[in-house]
Amino acid sequence: MTDLEASIHGERILWSGKPDKKVFILETIFNSFFLISLLWSGLVALCIFICSKSDLDLVAWIAVIVGMAFFLFPVWIYLALAITSGKNWDNTSYVITERGIYISGGVFQYDIQLKTFTEVLHINIHRGIFGKIFGVGSIEMIVPRNFQEINLGGYMVRQHDKNQKLFIIQAIPNYQEVFNLIKKMQTDVYADTMFPNDQRPEGNHGYNTEYMSEE
């Protein structure tokens, strides 16, 4: 049992898993940040080469080195992410319950995020190069960054703002199964949100879901 599963109480766990370690680390290392780091490093190497052709004294060289160290800040971030990718994998877990989707992760601190099924705006399967090679895939979900409350006829309704972000279950072998599970839960919960069990109008039986609304 993972730490994430152990932290969930009073909810039925429908699925749990971790990302494929090989793909998780490879995708952490070889991404768009890798290309940016190569470009940044190339520019620094070019600047140092140009400076080496100039007659600079010790103070000037110290200034150049300090300046280049600051300029390489994106590279330091990339290297830190690459070096700590193994620790990040240790802390990364996924759990799906009847309430929503939990994702844990982090390197220097342990974080748990929960997104309910009503927050999932769009969902799709993504398979990159390493995913296709090793037979895994990722579930990408677009969710709102936060909600705001609006007053509709005296009722306070929570509405998501226009700022959105990705919520990802990364590099899992049974990605199609998990994708279908989330879609089913999303459809069922939306149906029960509109017409909860025992509160549906006559002749409308919803999706005959198993989920009971809270009193």
C-alpha atoms as a PDB file:
ATOM      1  CA  MET A   1       0.000   0.000   0.000  1.00  0.00           C
ATOM      2  CA  THR A   2       1.338   3.427  -0.938  1.00  0.00           C
ATOM      3  CA  ASP A   3       1.395   6.435   1.397  1.00  0.00           C
ATOM      4  CA  LEU A   4      -1.329   8.019  -0.725  1.00  0.00           C
ATOM      5  CA  GLU A   5      -3.668   5.035  -0.300  1.00  0.00           C
ATOM      6  CA  ALA A   6      -2.997   4.977   3.436  1.00  0.00           C
ATOM      7  CA  SER A   7      -3.967   8.667   3.729  1.00  0.00           C
ATOM      8  CA  ILE A   8      -7.443   8.134   2.193  1.00  0.00           C
ATOM      9  CA  HIS A   9     -10.192   7.204   4.638  1.00  0.00           C
ATOM     10  CA  GLY A  10     -13.907   6.584   4.191  1.00  0.00           C
ATOM     11  CA  GLU A  11     -13.723   6.308   0.396  1.00  0.00           C
ATOM     12  CA  ARG A  12     -13.857   3.232  -1.808  1.00  0.00           C
ATOM     13  CA  ILE A  13     -10.701   2.984  -3.902  1.00  0.00           C
ATOM     14  CA  LEU A  14     -11.550   2.032  -7.480  1.00  0.00           C
ATOM     15  CA  TRP A  15      -8.005   2.071  -8.856  1.00  0.00           C
ATOM     16  CA  SER A  16      -4.499   2.884  -7.673  1.00  0.00           C
ATOM     17  CA  GLY A  17      -1.111   2.845  -9.331  1.00  0.00           C
ATOM     18  CA  LYS A  18       2.268   4.435  -9.955  1.00  0.00           C
ATOM     19  CA  PRO A  19       3.946   5.599 -13.157  1.00  0.00           C
ATOM     20  CA  ASP A  20       6.346   3.332 -14.983  1.00  0.00           C
ATOM     21  CA  LYS A  21       9.711   4.249 -13.453  1.00  0.00           C
ATOM     22  CA  LYS A  22      11.762   4.065 -16.657  1.00  0.00           C
ATOM     23  CA  VAL A  23       9.373   6.240 -18.659  1.00  0.00           C
ATOM     24  CA  PHE A  24       8.807   8.670 -15.769  1.00  0.00           C
ATOM     25  CA  ILE A  25      12.540   9.359 -15.428  1.00  0.00           C
ATOM     26  CA  LEU A  26      13.172   9.469 -19.183  1.00  0.00           C
ATOM     27  CA  GLU A  27      10.297  11.929 -19.724  1.00  0.00           C
ATOM     28  CA  THR A  28      11.642  14.069 -16.867  1.00  0.00           C
ATOM     29  CA  ILE A  29      15.084  14.206 -18.482  1.00  0.00           C
ATOM     30  CA  PHE A  30      14.247  14.382 -22.190  1.00  0.00           C
ATOM     31  CA  ASN A  31      11.618  17.089 -22.581  1.00  0.00           C
ATOM     32  CA  SER A  32      11.363  20.631 -23.942  1.00  0.00           C
ATOM     33  CA  PHE A  33      13.377  21.866 -20.966  1.00  0.00           C
ATOM     34  CA  PHE A  34      16.236  19.641 -22.158  1.00  0.00           C
ATOM     35  CA  LEU A  35      16.372  21.488 -25.497  1.00  0.00           C
ATOM     36  CA  ILE A  36      16.237  24.872 -23.755  1.00  0.00           C
ATOM     37  CA  SER A  37      19.105  23.815 -21.494  1.00  0.00           C
ATOM     38  CA  LEU A  38      21.177  22.765 -24.509  1.00  0.00           C
ATOM     39  CA  LEU A  39      20.516  26.115 -26.193  1.00  0.00           C
ATOM     40  CA  TRP A  40      21.370  28.060 -23.032  1.00  0.00           C
ATOM     41  CA  SER A  41      24.567  26.043 -22.539  1.00  0.00           C
ATOM     42  CA  GLY A  42      25.559  26.617 -26.166  1.00  0.00           C
ATOM     43  CA  LEU A  43      25.123  30.387 -25.794  1.00  0.00           C
ATOM     44  CA  VAL A  44      27.255  30.372 -22.640  1.00  0.00           C
ATOM     45  CA  ALA A  45      29.948  28.329 -24.359  1.00  0.00           C
ATOM     46  CA  LEU A  46      29.938  30.788 -27.274  1.00  0.00           C
ATOM     47  CA  CYS A  47      30.244  33.787 -24.929  1.00  0.00           C
ATOM     48  CA  ILE A  48      33.136  32.167 -23.074  1.00  0.00           C
ATOM     49  CA  PHE A  49      34.853  31.373 -26.388  1.00  0.00           C
ATOM     50  CA  ILE A  50      34.502  35.001 -27.509  1.00  0.00           C
ATOM     51  CA  CYS A  51      35.815  36.245 -24.177  1.00  0.00           C
ATOM     52  CA  SER A  52      38.778  33.878 -24.412  1.00  0.00           C
ATOM     53  CA  LYS A  53      39.858  35.701 -27.586  1.00  0.00           C
ATOM     54  CA  SER A  54      39.884  38.995 -25.695  1.00  0.00           C
ATOM     55  CA  ASP A  55      42.582  40.283 -23.389  1.00  0.00           C
ATOM     56  CA  LEU A  56      40.625  40.183 -20.113  1.00  0.00           C
ATOM     57  CA  ASP A  57      42.170  40.593 -16.686  1.00  0.00           C
ATOM     58  CA  LEU A  58      41.276  38.486 -13.628  1.00  0.00           C
ATOM     59  CA  VAL A  59      38.509  40.812 -12.414  1.00  0.00           C
ATOM     60  CA  ALA A  60      36.857  40.804 -15.827  1.00  0.00           C
ATOM     61  CA  TRP A  61      37.005  37.013 -15.984  1.00  0.00           C
ATOM     62  CA  ILE A  62      35.408  36.731 -12.539  1.00  0.00           C
ATOM     63  CA  ALA A  63      32.615  39.050 -13.705  1.00  0.00           C
ATOM     64  CA  VAL A  64      32.118  36.949 -16.854  1.00  0.00           C
ATOM     65  CA  ILE A  65      31.972  33.675 -14.888  1.00  0.00           C
ATOM     66  CA  VAL A  66      29.521  35.068 -12.311  1.00  0.00           C
ATOM     67  CA  GLY A  67      27.369  36.497 -15.081  1.00  0.00           C
ATOM     68  CA  MET A  68      27.342  33.216 -16.973  1.00  0.00           C
ATOM     69  CA  ALA A  69      26.441  31.327 -13.786  1.00  0.00           C
ATOM     70  CA  PHE A  70      23.358  33.530 -13.388  1.00  0.00           C
ATOM     71  CA  PHE A  71      22.557  33.200 -17.083  1.00  0.00           C
ATOM     72  CA  LEU A  72      22.626  29.412 -16.695  1.00  0.00           C
ATOM     73  CA  PHE A  73      19.821  29.524 -14.111  1.00  0.00           C
ATOM     74  CA  PRO A  74      17.385  27.524 -16.352  1.00  0.00           C
ATOM     75  CA  VAL A  75      20.075  24.858 -16.746  1.00  0.00           C
ATOM     76  CA  TRP A  76      20.516  24.543 -12.964  1.00  0.00           C
ATOM     77  CA  ILE A  77      16.739  24.059 -12.610  1.00  0.00           C
ATOM     78  CA  TYR A  78      16.744  21.389 -15.305  1.00  0.00           C
ATOM     79  CA  LEU A  79      19.670  19.544 -13.719  1.00  0.00           C
ATOM     80  CA  ALA A  80      17.975  19.642 -10.317  1.00  0.00           C
ATOM     81  CA  LEU A  81      14.797  18.142 -11.789  1.00  0.00           C
ATOM     82  CA  ALA A  82      16.766  15.457 -13.633  1.00  0.00           C
ATOM     83  CA  ILE A  83      18.867  14.512 -10.594  1.00  0.00           C
ATOM     84  CA  THR A  84      15.848  14.309  -8.268  1.00  0.00           C
ATOM     85  CA  SER A  85      13.573  12.478 -10.739  1.00  0.00           C
ATOM     86  CA  GLY A  86      14.069   9.188  -8.885  1.00  0.00           C
ATOM     87  CA  LYS A  87      12.964  10.685  -5.576  1.00  0.00           C
ATOM     88  CA  ASN A  88      10.020  12.335  -7.300  1.00  0.00           C
ATOM     89  CA  TRP A  89       8.980   8.937  -8.689  1.00  0.00           C
ATOM     90  CA  ASP A  90       9.098   7.436  -5.183  1.00  0.00           C
ATOM     91  CA  ASN A  91       6.567  10.025  -3.991  1.00  0.00           C
ATOM     92  CA  THR A  92       4.326   9.898  -7.080  1.00  0.00           C
ATOM     93  CA  SER A  93       1.166   7.804  -6.772  1.00  0.00           C
ATOM     94  CA  TYR A  94      -2.334   7.874  -8.222  1.00  0.00           C
ATOM     95  CA  VAL A  95      -5.651   6.858  -6.651  1.00  0.00           C
ATOM     96  CA  ILE A  96      -9.180   7.045  -8.052  1.00  0.00           C
ATOM     97  CA  THR A  97     -12.086   6.853  -5.615  1.00  0.00           C
ATOM     98  CA  GLU A  98     -15.799   7.552  -5.917  1.00  0.00           C
ATOM     99  CA  ARG A  99     -15.006  11.101  -4.816  1.00  0.00           C
ATOM    100  CA  GLY A 100     -12.367  11.966  -7.395  1.00  0.00           C
ATOM    101  CA  ILE A 101      -8.769  11.622  -8.527  1.00  0.00           C
ATOM    102  CA  TYR A 102      -5.832  11.883  -6.105  1.00  0.00           C
ATOM    103  CA  ILE A 103      -2.265  12.529  -7.209  1.00  0.00           C
ATOM    104  CA  SER A 104       0.707  12.685  -4.845  1.00  0.00           C
ATOM    105  CA  GLY A 105       4.229  13.818  -5.627  1.00  0.00           C
ATOM    106  CA  GLY A 106       7.096  16.064  -4.722  1.00  0.00           C
ATOM    107  CA  VAL A 107      10.807  15.921  -3.997  1.00  0.00           C
ATOM    108  CA  PHE A 108      11.564  18.012  -0.918  1.00  0.00           C
ATOM    109  CA  GLN A 109       7.964  18.013   0.269  1.00  0.00           C
ATOM    110  CA  TYR A 110       5.077  15.591  -0.133  1.00  0.00           C
ATOM    111  CA  ASP A 111       1.926  17.005  -1.737  1.00  0.00           C
ATOM    112  CA  ILE A 112      -1.480  15.457  -2.393  1.00  0.00           C
ATOM    113  CA  GLN A 113      -3.911  16.964  -4.895  1.00  0.00           C
ATOM    114  CA  LEU A 114      -7.557  16.016  -5.340  1.00  0.00           C
ATOM    115  CA  LYS A 115      -9.731  16.834  -8.319  1.00  0.00           C
ATOM    116  CA  THR A 116     -13.380  15.807  -8.239  1.00  0.00           C
ATOM    117  CA  PHE A 117     -14.936  14.395 -11.388  1.00  0.00           C
ATOM    118  CA  THR A 118     -17.041  17.539 -11.863  1.00  0.00           C
ATOM    119  CA  GLU A 119     -13.809  19.565 -12.134  1.00  0.00           C
ATOM    120  CA  VAL A 120     -12.499  17.544 -15.081  1.00  0.00           C
ATOM    121  CA  LEU A 121     -13.337  19.656 -18.137  1.00  0.00           C
ATOM    122  CA  HIS A 122     -11.556  17.619 -20.827  1.00  0.00           C
ATOM    123  CA  ILE A 123      -9.726  14.317 -20.807  1.00  0.00           C
ATOM    124  CA  ASN A 124      -7.524  12.590 -23.352  1.00  0.00           C
ATOM    125  CA  ILE A 125      -4.821   9.938 -23.709  1.00  0.00           C
ATOM    126  CA  HIS A 126      -1.271  11.007 -24.549  1.00  0.00           C
ATOM    127  CA  ARG A 127       1.526   8.670 -25.618  1.00  0.00           C
ATOM    128  CA  GLY A 128       4.933  10.123 -26.279  1.00  0.00           C
ATOM    129  CA  ILE A 129       7.969   8.435 -27.804  1.00  0.00           C
ATOM    130  CA  PHE A 130       8.953   6.628 -24.618  1.00  0.00           C
ATOM    131  CA  GLY A 131       5.346   5.713 -23.888  1.00  0.00           C
ATOM    132  CA  LYS A 132       5.039   3.969 -27.269  1.00  0.00           C
ATOM    133  CA  ILE A 133       8.373   2.214 -26.844  1.00  0.00           C
ATOM    134  CA  PHE A 134       7.545   0.811 -23.406  1.00  0.00           C
ATOM    135  CA  GLY A 135       3.793   0.340 -23.922  1.00  0.00           C
ATOM    136  CA  VAL A 136       2.461   2.911 -21.463  1.00  0.00           C
ATOM    137  CA  GLY A 137       0.351   6.053 -21.745  1.00  0.00           C
ATOM    138  CA  SER A 138      -0.692   9.140 -19.810  1.00  0.00           C
ATOM    139  CA  ILE A 139      -4.137  10.491 -18.970  1.00  0.00           C
ATOM    140  CA  GLU A 140      -4.216  14.264 -19.434  1.00  0.00           C
ATOM    141  CA  MET A 141      -7.094  16.164 -17.814  1.00  0.00           C
ATOM    142  CA  ILE A 142      -7.803  19.876 -18.125  1.00  0.00           C
ATOM    143  CA  VAL A 143      -9.088  21.279 -14.831  1.00  0.00           C
ATOM    144  CA  PRO A 144      -9.768  24.828 -13.574  1.00  0.00           C
ATOM    145  CA  ARG A 145      -7.141  26.409 -11.351  1.00  0.00           C
ATOM    146  CA  ASN A 146      -9.809  27.490  -8.883  1.00  0.00           C
ATOM    147  CA  PHE A 147     -13.502  28.165  -8.451  1.00  0.00           C
ATOM    148  CA  GLN A 148     -15.409  31.359  -7.784  1.00  0.00           C
ATOM    149  CA  GLU A 149     -18.859  31.706  -6.251  1.00  0.00           C
ATOM    150  CA  ILE A 150     -21.613  33.554  -8.079  1.00  0.00           C
ATOM    151  CA  ASN A 151     -25.114  34.410  -6.893  1.00  0.00           C
ATOM    152  CA  LEU A 152     -27.918  33.058  -9.066  1.00  0.00           C
ATOM    153  CA  GLY A 153     -31.376  33.969  -7.797  1.00  0.00           C
ATOM    154  CA  GLY A 154     -30.308  33.767  -4.174  1.00  0.00           C
ATOM    155  CA  TYR A 155     -28.350  30.533  -4.636  1.00  0.00           C
ATOM    156  CA  MET A 156     -24.566  30.534  -4.403  1.00  0.00           C
ATOM    157  CA  VAL A 157     -23.134  28.495  -7.287  1.00  0.00           C
ATOM    158  CA  ARG A 158     -19.471  27.523  -7.660  1.00  0.00           C
ATOM    159  CA  GLN A 159     -18.173  28.282 -11.144  1.00  0.00           C
ATOM    160  CA  HIS A 160     -14.677  27.605 -12.463  1.00  0.00           C
ATOM    161  CA  ASP A 161     -12.672  30.485 -13.846  1.00  0.00           C
ATOM    162  CA  LYS A 162     -11.125  30.612 -17.309  1.00  0.00           C
ATOM    163  CA  ASN A 163      -7.603  29.820 -16.101  1.00  0.00           C
ATOM    164  CA  GLN A 164      -6.983  26.121 -16.612  1.00  0.00           C
ATOM    165  CA  LYS A 165      -4.148  23.660 -16.050  1.00  0.00           C
ATOM    166  CA  LEU A 166      -3.218  20.061 -16.805  1.00  0.00           C
ATOM    167  CA  PHE A 167      -3.786  17.329 -14.232  1.00  0.00           C
ATOM    168  CA  ILE A 168      -1.849  14.266 -15.373  1.00  0.00           C
ATOM    169  CA  ILE A 169      -1.749  10.571 -14.532  1.00  0.00           C
ATOM    170  CA  GLN A 170       1.584   9.862 -16.144  1.00  0.00           C
ATOM    171  CA  ALA A 171       3.065   6.764 -17.801  1.00  0.00           C
ATOM    172  CA  ILE A 172       0.791   3.941 -16.621  1.00  0.00           C
ATOM    173  CA  PRO A 173       0.486   0.556 -18.375  1.00  0.00           C
ATOM    174  CA  ASN A 174      -3.336   0.248 -18.160  1.00  0.00           C
ATOM    175  CA  TYR A 175      -3.993   3.756 -19.458  1.00  0.00           C
ATOM    176  CA  GLN A 176      -6.997   2.768 -21.604  1.00  0.00           C
ATOM    177  CA  GLU A 177      -8.712   1.081 -18.646  1.00  0.00           C
ATOM    178  CA  VAL A 178      -8.123   4.106 -16.408  1.00  0.00           C
ATOM    179  CA  PHE A 179      -9.308   6.480 -19.143  1.00  0.00           C
ATOM    180  CA  ASN A 180     -12.571   4.519 -19.476  1.00  0.00           C
ATOM    181  CA  LEU A 181     -13.028   4.455 -15.690  1.00  0.00           C
ATOM    182  CA  ILE A 182     -12.659   8.228 -15.372  1.00  0.00           C
ATOM    183  CA  LYS A 183     -15.031   8.848 -18.279  1.00  0.00           C
ATOM    184  CA  LYS A 184     -17.632   6.539 -16.746  1.00  0.00           C
ATOM    185  CA  MET A 185     -17.315   8.149 -13.316  1.00  0.00           C
ATOM    186  CA  GLN A 186     -17.441  11.604 -14.861  1.00  0.00           C
ATOM    187  CA  THR A 187     -20.635  10.786 -16.780  1.00  0.00           C
ATOM    188  CA  ASP A 188     -22.311   9.100 -13.816  1.00  0.00           C
ATOM    189  CA  VAL A 189     -21.444  11.815 -11.316  1.00  0.00           C
ATOM    190  CA  TYR A 190     -22.603  14.564 -13.675  1.00  0.00           C
ATOM    191  CA  ALA A 191     -25.901  12.701 -14.064  1.00  0.00           C
ATOM    192  CA  ASP A 192     -26.344  12.291 -10.316  1.00  0.00           C
ATOM    193  CA  THR A 193     -25.385  15.928  -9.734  1.00  0.00           C
ATOM    194  CA  MET A 194     -28.240  17.040 -11.971  1.00  0.00           C
ATOM    195  CA  PHE A 195     -30.746  14.459 -10.701  1.00  0.00           C
ATOM    196  CA  PRO A 196     -29.551  12.760  -7.478  1.00  0.00           C
ATOM    197  CA  ASN A 197     -30.879   9.344  -6.586  1.00  0.00           C
ATOM    198  CA  ASP A 198     -34.474   9.497  -5.273  1.00  0.00           C
ATOM    199  CA  GLN A 199     -34.771  13.087  -6.502  1.00  0.00           C
ATOM    200  CA  ARG A 200     -35.258  12.507 -10.226  1.00  0.00           C
ATOM    201  CA  PRO A 201     -38.459  13.665 -11.896  1.00  0.00           C
ATOM    202  CA  GLU A 202     -40.998  11.015 -12.805  1.00  0.00           C
ATOM    203  CA  GLY A 203     -39.998   9.175 -15.954  1.00  0.00           C
ATOM    204  CA  ASN A 204     -36.311  10.212 -15.679  1.00  0.00           C
ATOM    205  CA  HIS A 205     -34.222   7.408 -14.198  1.00  0.00           C
ATOM    206  CA  GLY A 206     -30.851   8.966 -15.007  1.00  0.00           C
ATOM    207  CA  TYR A 207     -28.010   6.549 -15.649  1.00  0.00           C
ATOM    208  CA  ASN A 208     -28.984   4.055 -12.901  1.00  0.00           C
ATOM    209  CA  THR A 209     -25.722   4.829 -11.143  1.00  0.00           C
ATOM    210  CA  GLU A 210     -24.546   3.331  -7.865  1.00  0.00           C
ATOM    211  CA  TYR A 211     -23.539   6.577  -6.193  1.00  0.00           C
ATOM    212  CA  MET A 212     -25.765   7.966  -3.468  1.00  0.00           C
ATOM    213  CA  SER A 213     -26.035  11.711  -2.953  1.00  0.00           C
ATOM    214  CA  GLU A 214     -25.052  13.130   0.436  1.00  0.00           C
ATOM    215  CA  GLU A 215     -27.832  14.147   2.766  1.00  0.00           C
END
